[in-house]
Each structure stands twice: as C-alpha cells, then as structure tokens.
Amino acid sequence: MTRKPVDTGAPDRLYTVTNGRSSVDDTLDLVTLIVAECQPATGMQSEHSRILTLCRHPTSVVEISAELEMPITVVRILLADLLDTGRITARHPPVNPSLPDPALLKEVLHGLRNL
C-alpha cells in the first residue's frame, strides 16, 4: 500500500491560505470539537467556508484537517481566525481528575505480565 504524504498542499498555497502565519497558540488540540455558529458568508475565504459547512455538527480538529486535506497547523490557524471572529465555538474535552494513579496502573500491568 502506498501512502500519500501528509502535506498535500503546495507550500506557497499554504502560505497564502494562512496569510503568512506559521504558528498559533495551543488552545485547540486534536480532539477539540468545533461547532459553527453561523453559515458561510459571501466573500469569505473558501477554506473558512468549508470549515463552517463541515462543522454544522461538532467536528474534531483532526477530522477537519482530514476533510480539508491540509496539515493540522494550517487548520489550527484557520480555526483561530474563525474563533476570534465568533463564527465557531470550541468545546474542549473534559478533564477527568478521577483517573487512577499512574503508579498503580504500572503495578497492575506488571502483575498482569507475571501471570
């Protein structure tokens, strides 16, 4: 099976899509759910319009990246634009403070291996 490269866009195109920006803060991780708050408007950047169309229902950042066939970094920059203008909302996954202690899990794993 032949795999296609992750970065399928031409570098100059990606540079243009992001207006030359190459980084964004880490507020949007791969599993953050994105929900569109409005419909695409006339004159919007085509990638922004596609994101709004995709996110009519909660969609994760990684799914958006796959659908657009663009690198995660570029998608996160585009999402930050939409988030700043209030066109999308981000739902971060809940943090579960009641997870078991990692040391206890290691002991269980060690015990299972000894069986």
PDB file of N, CA and C in Angstrom:
ATOM      1  N   MET A   1       0.838  -1.165   0.000  1.00  0.00           N
ATOM      2  CA  MET A   1       0.000   0.000   0.000  1.00  0.00           C
ATOM      3  C   MET A   1       0.890   1.237   0.000  1.00  0.00           C
ATOM      4  N   THR A   2       0.625   2.162  -0.874  1.00  0.00           N
ATOM      5  CA  THR A   2       1.401   3.389  -0.978  1.00  0.00           C
ATOM      6  C   THR A   2       0.681   4.487  -0.206  1.00  0.00           C
ATOM      7  N   ARG A   3       1.405   5.144   0.665  1.00  0.00           N
ATOM      8  CA  ARG A   3       0.820   6.237   1.433  1.00  0.00           C
ATOM      9  C   ARG A   3       1.154   7.554   0.756  1.00  0.00           C
ATOM     10  N   LYS A   4       0.179   8.453   0.724  1.00  0.00           N
ATOM     11  CA  LYS A   4       0.462   9.769   0.190  1.00  0.00           C
ATOM     12  C   LYS A   4       1.039  10.633   1.305  1.00  0.00           C
ATOM     13  N   PRO A   5       1.818  11.631   0.968  1.00  0.00           N
ATOM     14  CA  PRO A   5       2.425  12.468   2.002  1.00  0.00           C
ATOM     15  C   PRO A   5       1.361  13.219   2.793  1.00  0.00           C
ATOM     16  N   VAL A   6       1.694  13.533   4.034  1.00  0.00           N
ATOM     17  CA  VAL A   6       0.750  14.229   4.908  1.00  0.00           C
ATOM     18  C   VAL A   6       0.454  15.626   4.368  1.00  0.00           C
ATOM     19  N   ASP A   7       1.474  16.350   3.957  1.00  0.00           N
ATOM     20  CA  ASP A   7       1.312  17.709   3.462  1.00  0.00           C
ATOM     21  C   ASP A   7       1.028  17.653   1.970  1.00  0.00           C
ATOM     22  N   THR A   8      -0.248  17.697   1.593  1.00  0.00           N
ATOM     23  CA  THR A   8      -0.605  17.568   0.188  1.00  0.00           C
ATOM     24  C   THR A   8      -0.690  18.911  -0.519  1.00  0.00           C
ATOM     25  N   GLY A   9      -0.649  20.000   0.219  1.00  0.00           N
ATOM     26  CA  GLY A   9      -0.744  21.318  -0.407  1.00  0.00           C
ATOM     27  C   GLY A   9       0.623  21.860  -0.756  1.00  0.00           C
ATOM     28  N   ALA A  10       0.657  22.662  -1.803  1.00  0.00           N
ATOM     29  CA  ALA A  10       1.913  23.306  -2.175  1.00  0.00           C
ATOM     30  C   ALA A  10       2.267  24.323  -1.093  1.00  0.00           C
ATOM     31  N   PRO A  11       3.546  24.412  -0.712  1.00  0.00           N
ATOM     32  CA  PRO A  11       3.922  25.322   0.372  1.00  0.00           C
ATOM     33  C   PRO A  11       3.512  26.774   0.122  1.00  0.00           C
ATOM     34  N   ASP A  12       3.617  27.232  -1.123  1.00  0.00           N
ATOM     35  CA  ASP A  12       3.226  28.621  -1.392  1.00  0.00           C
ATOM     36  C   ASP A  12       1.726  28.814  -1.222  1.00  0.00           C
ATOM     37  N   ARG A  13       0.925  27.801  -1.553  1.00  0.00           N
ATOM     38  CA  ARG A  13      -0.515  27.890  -1.364  1.00  0.00           C
ATOM     39  C   ARG A  13      -0.844  27.945   0.125  1.00  0.00           C
ATOM     40  N   LEU A  14      -0.209  27.083   0.911  1.00  0.00           N
ATOM     41  CA  LEU A  14      -0.465  27.071   2.350  1.00  0.00           C
ATOM     42  C   LEU A  14      -0.048  28.388   2.984  1.00  0.00           C
ATOM     43  N   TYR A  15       1.033  28.975   2.500  1.00  0.00           N
ATOM     44  CA  TYR A  15       1.491  30.278   2.993  1.00  0.00           C
ATOM     45  C   TYR A  15       0.432  31.335   2.708  1.00  0.00           C
ATOM     46  N   THR A  16      -0.163  31.265   1.536  1.00  0.00           N
ATOM     47  CA  THR A  16      -1.197  32.223   1.153  1.00  0.00           C
ATOM     48  C   THR A  16      -2.470  32.016   1.962  1.00  0.00           C
ATOM     49  N   VAL A  17      -2.851  30.767   2.166  1.00  0.00           N
ATOM     50  CA  VAL A  17      -4.072  30.447   2.916  1.00  0.00           C
ATOM     51  C   VAL A  17      -4.000  31.006   4.331  1.00  0.00           C
ATOM     52  N   THR A  18      -2.833  30.953   4.938  1.00  0.00           N
ATOM     53  CA  THR A  18      -2.685  31.405   6.329  1.00  0.00           C
ATOM     54  C   THR A  18      -2.194  32.845   6.441  1.00  0.00           C
ATOM     55  N   ASN A  19      -2.102  33.539   5.312  1.00  0.00           N
ATOM     56  CA  ASN A  19      -1.593  34.920   5.297  1.00  0.00           C
ATOM     57  C   ASN A  19      -0.193  35.015   5.889  1.00  0.00           C
ATOM     58  N   GLY A  20       0.601  33.985   5.669  1.00  0.00           N
ATOM     59  CA  GLY A  20       1.990  34.006   6.104  1.00  0.00           C
ATOM     60  C   GLY A  20       2.222  33.587   7.538  1.00  0.00           C
ATOM     61  N   ARG A  21       1.176  33.287   8.284  1.00  0.00           N
ATOM     62  CA  ARG A  21       1.365  32.872   9.672  1.00  0.00           C
ATOM     63  C   ARG A  21       1.770  31.415   9.709  1.00  0.00           C
ATOM     64  N   SER A  22       2.627  31.075  10.649  1.00  0.00           N
ATOM     65  CA  SER A  22       3.098  29.689  10.705  1.00  0.00           C
ATOM     66  C   SER A  22       2.864  29.030  12.054  1.00  0.00           C
ATOM     67  N   SER A  23       2.352  29.768  13.015  1.00  0.00           N
ATOM     68  CA  SER A  23       2.090  29.147  14.314  1.00  0.00           C
ATOM     69  C   SER A  23       0.876  29.797  14.961  1.00  0.00           C
ATOM     70  N   VAL A  24       0.309  29.062  15.886  1.00  0.00           N
ATOM     71  CA  VAL A  24      -0.854  29.524  16.638  1.00  0.00           C
ATOM     72  C   VAL A  24      -0.734  28.952  18.046  1.00  0.00           C
ATOM     73  N   ASP A  25      -1.423  29.548  19.006  1.00  0.00           N
ATOM     74  CA  ASP A  25      -1.340  29.023  20.371  1.00  0.00           C
ATOM     75  C   ASP A  25      -1.935  27.623  20.448  1.00  0.00           C
ATOM     76  N   ASP A  26      -1.669  26.959  21.553  1.00  0.00           N
ATOM     77  CA  ASP A  26      -2.049  25.555  21.696  1.00  0.00           C
ATOM     78  C   ASP A  26      -3.431  25.350  22.315  1.00  0.00           C
ATOM     79  N   THR A  27      -4.339  26.296  22.152  1.00  0.00           N
ATOM     80  CA  THR A  27      -5.656  26.137  22.768  1.00  0.00           C
ATOM     81  C   THR A  27      -6.512  25.089  22.058  1.00  0.00           C
ATOM     82  N   LEU A  28      -6.244  24.828  20.788  1.00  0.00           N
ATOM     83  CA  LEU A  28      -7.013  23.839  20.034  1.00  0.00           C
ATOM     84  C   LEU A  28      -6.173  22.584  19.849  1.00  0.00           C
ATOM     85  N   ASP A  29      -6.501  21.538  20.609  1.00  0.00           N
ATOM     86  CA  ASP A  29      -5.772  20.291  20.408  1.00  0.00           C
ATOM     87  C   ASP A  29      -6.524  19.437  19.396  1.00  0.00           C
ATOM     88  N   LEU A  30      -6.028  18.264  19.114  1.00  0.00           N
ATOM     89  CA  LEU A  30      -6.570  17.425  18.048  1.00  0.00           C
ATOM     90  C   LEU A  30      -8.002  16.964  18.294  1.00  0.00           C
ATOM     91  N   VAL A  31      -8.393  16.810  19.544  1.00  0.00           N
ATOM     92  CA  VAL A  31      -9.724  16.284  19.848  1.00  0.00           C
ATOM     93  C   VAL A  31     -10.733  17.355  20.250  1.00  0.00           C
ATOM     94  N   THR A  32     -10.328  18.617  20.197  1.00  0.00           N
ATOM     95  CA  THR A  32     -11.262  19.697  20.481  1.00  0.00           C
ATOM     96  C   THR A  32     -12.373  19.672  19.439  1.00  0.00           C
ATOM     97  N   LEU A  33     -13.607  19.760  19.901  1.00  0.00           N
ATOM     98  CA  LEU A  33     -14.754  19.761  18.992  1.00  0.00           C
ATOM     99  C   LEU A  33     -15.085  21.186  18.574  1.00  0.00           C
ATOM    100  N   ILE A  34     -15.276  21.369  17.286  1.00  0.00           N
ATOM    101  CA  ILE A  34     -15.580  22.675  16.716  1.00  0.00           C
ATOM    102  C   ILE A  34     -17.027  22.674  16.244  1.00  0.00           C
ATOM    103  N   VAL A  35     -17.757  23.750  16.560  1.00  0.00           N
ATOM    104  CA  VAL A  35     -19.142  23.888  16.140  1.00  0.00           C
ATOM    105  C   VAL A  35     -19.308  25.251  15.471  1.00  0.00           C
ATOM    106  N   ALA A  36     -19.894  25.255  14.269  1.00  0.00           N
ATOM    107  CA  ALA A  36     -20.145  26.503  13.548  1.00  0.00           C
ATOM    108  C   ALA A  36     -21.274  27.270  14.221  1.00  0.00           C
ATOM    109  N   GLU A  37     -21.109  28.563  14.345  1.00  0.00           N
ATOM    110  CA  GLU A  37     -22.133  29.418  14.939  1.00  0.00           C
ATOM    111  C   GLU A  37     -22.890  30.216  13.884  1.00  0.00           C
ATOM    112  N   CYS A  38     -22.472  30.106  12.619  1.00  0.00           N
ATOM    113  CA  CYS A  38     -23.136  30.821  11.538  1.00  0.00           C
ATOM    114  C   CYS A  38     -22.924  30.067  10.231  1.00  0.00           C
ATOM    115  N   GLN A  39     -23.597  30.520   9.208  1.00  0.00           N
ATOM    116  CA  GLN A  39     -23.441  29.951   7.874  1.00  0.00           C
ATOM    117  C   GLN A  39     -22.298  30.666   7.158  1.00  0.00           C
ATOM    118  N   PRO A  40     -21.687  30.029   6.155  1.00  0.00           N
ATOM    119  CA  PRO A  40     -20.668  30.726   5.367  1.00  0.00           C
ATOM    120  C   PRO A  40     -21.276  31.968   4.715  1.00  0.00           C
ATOM    121  N   ALA A  41     -20.490  33.023   4.659  1.00  0.00           N
ATOM    122  CA  ALA A  41     -20.947  34.286   4.079  1.00  0.00           C
ATOM    123  C   ALA A  41     -20.246  34.535   2.751  1.00  0.00           C
ATOM    124  N   THR A  42     -20.875  35.319   1.916  1.00  0.00           N
ATOM    125  CA  THR A  42     -20.285  35.691   0.633  1.00  0.00           C
ATOM    126  C   THR A  42     -18.997  36.469   0.879  1.00  0.00           C
ATOM    127  N   GLY A  43     -17.969  36.131   0.132  1.00  0.00           N
ATOM    128  CA  GLY A  43     -16.696  36.830   0.244  1.00  0.00           C
ATOM    129  C   GLY A  43     -15.725  36.231   1.246  1.00  0.00           C
ATOM    130  N   MET A  44     -16.153  35.198   1.949  1.00  0.00           N
ATOM    131  CA  MET A  44     -15.252  34.534   2.901  1.00  0.00           C
ATOM    132  C   MET A  44     -14.194  33.746   2.159  1.00  0.00           C
ATOM    133  N   GLN A  45     -13.076  33.550   2.809  1.00  0.00           N
ATOM    134  CA  GLN A  45     -12.041  32.666   2.275  1.00  0.00           C
ATOM    135  C   GLN A  45     -12.654  31.277   2.123  1.00  0.00           C
ATOM    136  N   SER A  46     -12.362  30.603   1.026  1.00  0.00           N
ATOM    137  CA  SER A  46     -13.009  29.320   0.726  1.00  0.00           C
ATOM    138  C   SER A  46     -12.770  28.278   1.814  1.00  0.00           C
ATOM    139  N   GLU A  47     -11.583  28.266   2.400  1.00  0.00           N
ATOM    140  CA  GLU A  47     -11.291  27.303   3.463  1.00  0.00           C
ATOM    141  C   GLU A  47     -12.146  27.574   4.700  1.00  0.00           C
ATOM    142  N   HIS A  48     -12.354  28.844   5.022  1.00  0.00           N
ATOM    143  CA  HIS A  48     -13.219  29.188   6.148  1.00  0.00           C
ATOM    144  C   HIS A  48     -14.646  28.731   5.877  1.00  0.00           C
ATOM    145  N   SER A  49     -15.110  28.918   4.655  1.00  0.00           N
ATOM    146  CA  SER A  49     -16.462  28.481   4.287  1.00  0.00           C
ATOM    147  C   SER A  49     -16.611  26.971   4.418  1.00  0.00           C
ATOM    148  N   ARG A  50     -15.597  26.239   3.971  1.00  0.00           N
ATOM    149  CA  ARG A  50     -15.649  24.784   4.066  1.00  0.00           C
ATOM    150  C   ARG A  50     -15.671  24.324   5.521  1.00  0.00           C
ATOM    151  N   ILE A  51     -14.908  24.996   6.358  1.00  0.00           N
ATOM    152  CA  ILE A  51     -14.892  24.644   7.784  1.00  0.00           C
ATOM    153  C   ILE A  51     -16.273  24.868   8.391  1.00  0.00           C
ATOM    154  N   LEU A  52     -16.886  26.006   8.093  1.00  0.00           N
ATOM    155  CA  LEU A  52     -18.216  26.284   8.636  1.00  0.00           C
ATOM    156  C   LEU A  52     -19.235  25.262   8.149  1.00  0.00           C
ATOM    157  N   THR A  53     -19.108  24.832   6.913  1.00  0.00           N
ATOM    158  CA  THR A  53     -20.017  23.817   6.380  1.00  0.00           C
ATOM    159  C   THR A  53     -19.797  22.473   7.071  1.00  0.00           C
ATOM    160  N   LEU A  54     -18.533  22.113   7.275  1.00  0.00           N
ATOM    161  CA  LEU A  54     -18.211  20.839   7.937  1.00  0.00           C
ATOM    162  C   LEU A  54     -18.664  20.802   9.388  1.00  0.00           C
ATOM    163  N   CYS A  55     -18.662  21.945  10.027  1.00  0.00           N
ATOM    164  CA  CYS A  55     -18.878  21.991  11.474  1.00  0.00           C
ATOM    165  C   CYS A  55     -20.308  22.345  11.862  1.00  0.00           C
ATOM    166  N   ARG A  56     -21.261  22.011  11.015  1.00  0.00           N
ATOM    167  CA  ARG A  56     -22.660  22.211  11.403  1.00  0.00           C
ATOM    168  C   ARG A  56     -22.971  21.373  12.640  1.00  0.00           C
ATOM    169  N   HIS A  57     -22.308  20.226  12.735  1.00  0.00           N
ATOM    170  CA  HIS A  57     -22.383  19.364  13.910  1.00  0.00           C
ATOM    171  C   HIS A  57     -20.976  19.326  14.496  1.00  0.00           C
ATOM    172  N   PRO A  58     -20.830  19.059  15.790  1.00  0.00           N
ATOM    173  CA  PRO A  58     -19.489  19.034  16.394  1.00  0.00           C
ATOM    174  C   PRO A  58     -18.526  18.132  15.620  1.00  0.00           C
ATOM    175  N   THR A  59     -17.389  18.702  15.266  1.00  0.00           N
ATOM    176  CA  THR A  59     -16.368  18.006  14.488  1.00  0.00           C
ATOM    177  C   THR A  59     -15.013  18.284  15.118  1.00  0.00           C
ATOM    178  N   SER A  60     -14.199  17.256  15.273  1.00  0.00           N
ATOM    179  CA  SER A  60     -12.887  17.440  15.896  1.00  0.00           C
ATOM    180  C   SER A  60     -11.908  18.110  14.928  1.00  0.00           C
ATOM    181  N   VAL A  61     -10.901  18.719  15.494  1.00  0.00           N
ATOM    182  CA  VAL A  61      -9.875  19.406  14.705  1.00  0.00           C
ATOM    183  C   VAL A  61      -9.201  18.433  13.742  1.00  0.00           C
ATOM    184  N   VAL A  62      -8.907  17.228  14.195  1.00  0.00           N
ATOM    185  CA  VAL A  62      -8.239  16.253  13.341  1.00  0.00           C
ATOM    186  C   VAL A  62      -9.144  15.824  12.179  1.00  0.00           C
ATOM    187  N   GLU A  63     -10.458  15.734  12.416  1.00  0.00           N
ATOM    188  CA  GLU A  63     -11.382  15.388  11.338  1.00  0.00           C
ATOM    189  C   GLU A  63     -11.447  16.502  10.298  1.00  0.00           C
ATOM    190  N   ILE A  64     -11.431  17.735  10.751  1.00  0.00           N
ATOM    191  CA  ILE A  64     -11.441  18.877   9.832  1.00  0.00           C
ATOM    192  C   ILE A  64     -10.194  18.850   8.965  1.00  0.00           C
ATOM    193  N   SER A  65      -9.059  18.586   9.592  1.00  0.00           N
ATOM    194  CA  SER A  65      -7.801  18.500   8.855  1.00  0.00           C
ATOM    195  C   SER A  65      -7.857  17.421   7.786  1.00  0.00           C
ATOM    196  N   ALA A  66      -8.415  16.282   8.130  1.00  0.00           N
ATOM    197  CA  ALA A  66      -8.522  15.180   7.170  1.00  0.00           C
ATOM    198  C   ALA A  66      -9.462  15.534   6.023  1.00  0.00           C
ATOM    199  N   GLU A  67     -10.592  16.141   6.333  1.00  0.00           N
ATOM    200  CA  GLU A  67     -11.559  16.503   5.297  1.00  0.00           C
ATOM    201  C   GLU A  67     -11.009  17.559   4.345  1.00  0.00           C
ATOM    202  N   LEU A  68     -10.285  18.530   4.890  1.00  0.00           N
ATOM    203  CA  LEU A  68      -9.716  19.588   4.055  1.00  0.00           C
ATOM    204  C   LEU A  68      -8.431  19.155   3.358  1.00  0.00           C
ATOM    205  N   GLU A  69      -7.880  18.009   3.807  1.00  0.00           N
ATOM    206  CA  GLU A  69      -6.597  17.512   3.300  1.00  0.00           C
ATOM    207  C   GLU A  69      -5.508  18.572   3.448  1.00  0.00           C
ATOM    208  N   MET A  70      -5.445  19.133   4.650  1.00  0.00           N
ATOM    209  CA  MET A  70      -4.453  20.156   4.987  1.00  0.00           C
ATOM    210  C   MET A  70      -3.775  19.770   6.288  1.00  0.00           C
ATOM    211  N   PRO A  71      -2.540  20.222   6.474  1.00  0.00           N
ATOM    212  CA  PRO A  71      -1.837  19.933   7.727  1.00  0.00           C
ATOM    213  C   PRO A  71      -2.566  20.531   8.933  1.00  0.00           C
ATOM    214  N   ILE A  72      -2.412  19.885  10.061  1.00  0.00           N
ATOM    215  CA  ILE A  72      -3.053  20.324  11.307  1.00  0.00           C
ATOM    216  C   ILE A  72      -2.702  21.775  11.632  1.00  0.00           C
ATOM    217  N   THR A  73      -1.445  22.145  11.456  1.00  0.00           N
ATOM    218  CA  THR A  73      -1.010  23.500  11.787  1.00  0.00           C
ATOM    219  C   THR A  73      -1.795  24.530  10.995  1.00  0.00           C
ATOM    220  N   VAL A  74      -1.975  24.301   9.715  1.00  0.00           N
ATOM    221  CA  VAL A  74      -2.719  25.230   8.866  1.00  0.00           C
ATOM    222  C   VAL A  74      -4.177  25.291   9.306  1.00  0.00           C
ATOM    223  N   VAL A  75      -4.770  24.148   9.598  1.00  0.00           N
ATOM    224  CA  VAL A  75      -6.164  24.111  10.038  1.00  0.00           C
ATOM    225  C   VAL A  75      -6.328  24.841  11.358  1.00  0.00           C
ATOM    226  N   ARG A  76      -5.393  24.672  12.255  1.00  0.00           N
ATOM    227  CA  ARG A  76      -5.484  25.366  13.547  1.00  0.00           C
ATOM    228  C   ARG A  76      -5.406  26.878  13.374  1.00  0.00           C
ATOM    229  N   ILE A  77      -4.628  27.347  12.425  1.00  0.00           N
ATOM    230  CA  ILE A  77      -4.546  28.783  12.150  1.00  0.00           C
ATOM    231  C   ILE A  77      -5.887  29.278  11.608  1.00  0.00           C
ATOM    232  N   LEU A  78      -6.469  28.523  10.675  1.00  0.00           N
ATOM    233  CA  LEU A  78      -7.765  28.902  10.115  1.00  0.00           C
ATOM    234  C   LEU A  78      -8.851  28.882  11.186  1.00  0.00           C
ATOM    235  N   LEU A  79      -8.813  27.884  12.068  1.00  0.00           N
ATOM    236  CA  LEU A  79      -9.798  27.803  13.150  1.00  0.00           C
ATOM    237  C   LEU A  79      -9.638  28.967  14.126  1.00  0.00           C
ATOM    238  N   ALA A  80      -8.408  29.364  14.382  1.00  0.00           N
ATOM    239  CA  ALA A  80      -8.174  30.501  15.272  1.00  0.00           C
ATOM    240  C   ALA A  80      -8.785  31.769  14.691  1.00  0.00           C
ATOM    241  N   ASP A  81      -8.695  31.942  13.362  1.00  0.00           N
ATOM    242  CA  ASP A  81      -9.335  33.092  12.710  1.00  0.00           C
ATOM    243  C   ASP A  81     -10.834  33.093  12.966  1.00  0.00           C
ATOM    244  N   LEU A  82     -11.454  31.931  12.751  1.00  0.00           N
ATOM    245  CA  LEU A  82     -12.905  31.821  12.933  1.00  0.00           C
ATOM    246  C   LEU A  82     -13.308  31.965  14.391  1.00  0.00           C
ATOM    247  N   LEU A  83     -12.483  31.461  15.285  1.00  0.00           N
ATOM    248  CA  LEU A  83     -12.763  31.569  16.717  1.00  0.00           C
ATOM    249  C   LEU A  83     -12.687  33.028  17.169  1.00  0.00           C
ATOM    250  N   ASP A  84     -11.695  33.753  16.665  1.00  0.00           N
ATOM    251  CA  ASP A  84     -11.534  35.167  17.024  1.00  0.00           C
ATOM    252  C   ASP A  84     -12.710  36.024  16.567  1.00  0.00           C
ATOM    253  N   THR A  85     -13.340  35.644  15.461  1.00  0.00           N
ATOM    254  CA  THR A  85     -14.476  36.417  14.945  1.00  0.00           C
ATOM    255  C   THR A  85     -15.814  35.910  15.463  1.00  0.00           C
ATOM    256  N   GLY A  86     -15.806  34.860  16.289  1.00  0.00           N
ATOM    257  CA  GLY A  86     -17.026  34.335  16.879  1.00  0.00           C
ATOM    258  C   GLY A  86     -17.858  33.472  15.944  1.00  0.00           C
ATOM    259  N   ARG A  87     -17.274  33.029  14.839  1.00  0.00           N
ATOM    260  CA  ARG A  87     -18.016  32.210  13.879  1.00  0.00           C
ATOM    261  C   ARG A  87     -18.054  30.735  14.261  1.00  0.00           C
ATOM    262  N   ILE A  88     -17.175  30.335  15.170  1.00  0.00           N
ATOM    263  CA  ILE A  88     -17.180  28.968  15.683  1.00  0.00           C
ATOM    264  C   ILE A  88     -17.009  29.013  17.195  1.00  0.00           C
ATOM    265  N   THR A  89     -17.365  27.919  17.834  1.00  0.00           N
ATOM    266  CA  THR A  89     -17.040  27.736  19.247  1.00  0.00           C
ATOM    267  C   THR A  89     -16.243  26.451  19.368  1.00  0.00           C
ATOM    268  N   ALA A  90     -15.397  26.408  20.360  1.00  0.00           N
ATOM    269  CA  ALA A  90     -14.555  25.241  20.609  1.00  0.00           C
ATOM    270  C   ALA A  90     -15.001  24.592  21.909  1.00  0.00           C
ATOM    271  N   ARG A  91     -15.231  23.296  21.837  1.00  0.00           N
ATOM    272  CA  ARG A  91     -15.599  22.520  23.024  1.00  0.00           C
ATOM    273  C   ARG A  91     -14.442  21.607  23.356  1.00  0.00           C
ATOM    274  N   HIS A  92     -13.745  21.948  24.404  1.00  0.00           N
ATOM    275  CA  HIS A  92     -12.591  21.159  24.814  1.00  0.00           C
ATOM    276  C   HIS A  92     -13.049  19.897  25.535  1.00  0.00           C
ATOM    277  N   PRO A  93     -12.327  18.796  25.358  1.00  0.00           N
ATOM    278  CA  PRO A  93     -12.729  17.556  26.038  1.00  0.00           C
ATOM    279  C   PRO A  93     -12.624  17.732  27.555  1.00  0.00           C
ATOM    280  N   PRO A  94     -13.538  17.115  28.286  1.00  0.00           N
ATOM    281  CA  PRO A  94     -13.494  17.249  29.744  1.00  0.00           C
ATOM    282  C   PRO A  94     -12.252  16.581  30.326  1.00  0.00           C
ATOM    283  N   VAL A  95     -11.734  17.214  31.347  1.00  0.00           N
ATOM    284  CA  VAL A  95     -10.587  16.650  32.055  1.00  0.00           C
ATOM    285  C   VAL A  95     -11.138  15.849  33.222  1.00  0.00           C
ATOM    286  N   ASN A  96     -10.730  14.600  33.316  1.00  0.00           N
ATOM    287  CA  ASN A  96     -11.251  13.725  34.354  1.00  0.00           C
ATOM    288  C   ASN A  96     -10.219  13.614  35.473  1.00  0.00           C
ATOM    289  N   PRO A  97     -10.429  14.341  36.569  1.00  0.00           N
ATOM    290  CA  PRO A  97      -9.454  14.302  37.663  1.00  0.00           C
ATOM    291  C   PRO A  97      -9.483  12.994  38.445  1.00  0.00           C
ATOM    292  N   SER A  98     -10.461  12.134  38.206  1.00  0.00           N
ATOM    293  CA  SER A  98     -10.570  10.908  38.988  1.00  0.00           C
ATOM    294  C   SER A  98      -9.886   9.719  38.310  1.00  0.00           C
ATOM    295  N   LEU A  99      -8.955   9.982  37.421  1.00  0.00           N
ATOM    296  CA  LEU A  99      -8.223   8.889  36.780  1.00  0.00           C
ATOM    297  C   LEU A  99      -7.331   8.194  37.800  1.00  0.00           C
ATOM    298  N   PRO A 100      -7.097   6.910  37.635  1.00  0.00           N
ATOM    299  CA  PRO A 100      -6.246   6.185  38.583  1.00  0.00           C
ATOM    300  C   PRO A 100      -4.803   6.699  38.550  1.00  0.00           C
ATOM    301  N   ASP A 101      -4.144   6.488  39.646  1.00  0.00           N
ATOM    302  CA  ASP A 101      -2.746   6.888  39.785  1.00  0.00           C
ATOM    303  C   ASP A 101      -1.884   6.094  38.788  1.00  0.00           C
ATOM    304  N   PRO A 102      -1.011   6.776  38.017  1.00  0.00           N
ATOM    305  CA  PRO A 102      -0.163   6.063  37.053  1.00  0.00           C
ATOM    306  C   PRO A 102       0.705   4.977  37.700  1.00  0.00           C
ATOM    307  N   ALA A 103       1.136   5.192  38.932  1.00  0.00           N
ATOM    308  CA  ALA A 103       1.953   4.187  39.616  1.00  0.00           C
ATOM    309  C   ALA A 103       1.141   2.912  39.852  1.00  0.00           C
ATOM    310  N   LEU A 104      -0.124   3.074  40.211  1.00  0.00           N
ATOM    311  CA  LEU A 104      -0.994   1.921  40.419  1.00  0.00           C
ATOM    312  C   LEU A 104      -1.197   1.165  39.098  1.00  0.00           C
ATOM    313  N   LEU A 105      -1.398   1.888  38.011  1.00  0.00           N
ATOM    314  CA  LEU A 105      -1.570   1.235  36.709  1.00  0.00           C
ATOM    315  C   LEU A 105      -0.321   0.454  36.307  1.00  0.00           C
ATOM    316  N   LYS A 106       0.855   0.994  36.614  1.00  0.00           N
ATOM    317  CA  LYS A 106       2.101   0.284  36.309  1.00  0.00           C
ATOM    318  C   LYS A 106       2.198  -1.007  37.111  1.00  0.00           C
ATOM    319  N   GLU A 107       1.780  -0.954  38.375  1.00  0.00           N
ATOM    320  CA  GLU A 107       1.809  -2.163  39.204  1.00  0.00           C
ATOM    321  C   GLU A 107       0.849  -3.212  38.672  1.00  0.00           C
ATOM    322  N   VAL A 108      -0.332  -2.805  38.246  1.00  0.00           N
ATOM    323  CA  VAL A 108      -1.301  -3.741  37.666  1.00  0.00           C
ATOM    324  C   VAL A 108      -0.741  -4.353  36.400  1.00  0.00           C
ATOM    325  N   LEU A 109      -0.149  -3.536  35.542  1.00  0.00           N
ATOM    326  CA  LEU A 109       0.442  -4.052  34.299  1.00  0.00           C
ATOM    327  C   LEU A 109       1.555  -5.055  34.596  1.00  0.00           C
ATOM    328  N   HIS A 110       2.389  -4.720  35.569  1.00  0.00           N
ATOM    329  CA  HIS A 110       3.474  -5.625  35.946  1.00  0.00           C
ATOM    330  C   HIS A 110       2.889  -6.958  36.461  1.00  0.00           C
ATOM    331  N   GLY A 111       1.818  -6.869  37.285  1.00  0.00           N
ATOM    332  CA  GLY A 111       1.175  -8.082  37.785  1.00  0.00           C
ATOM    333  C   GLY A 111       0.576  -8.925  36.670  1.00  0.00           C
ATOM    334  N   LEU A 112      -0.028  -8.279  35.684  1.00  0.00           N
ATOM    335  CA  LEU A 112      -0.621  -8.992  34.558  1.00  0.00           C
ATOM    336  C   LEU A 112       0.446  -9.696  33.718  1.00  0.00           C
ATOM    337  N   ARG A 113       1.566  -9.053  33.562  1.00  0.00           N
ATOM    338  CA  ARG A 113       2.662  -9.661  32.792  1.00  0.00           C
ATOM    339  C   ARG A 113       3.219 -10.886  33.498  1.00  0.00           C
ATOM    340  N   ASN A 114       3.163 -10.894  34.814  1.00  0.00           N
ATOM    341  CA  ASN A 114       3.691 -12.031  35.568  1.00  0.00           C
ATOM    342  C   ASN A 114       2.747 -13.230  35.570  1.00  0.00           C
ATOM    343  N   LEU A 115       1.540 -13.061  35.122  1.00  0.00           N
ATOM    344  CA  LEU A 115       0.586 -14.179  35.105  1.00  0.00           C
ATOM    345  C   LEU A 115       0.941 -15.232  34.095  1.00  0.00           C
TER     346      LEU A 115
END
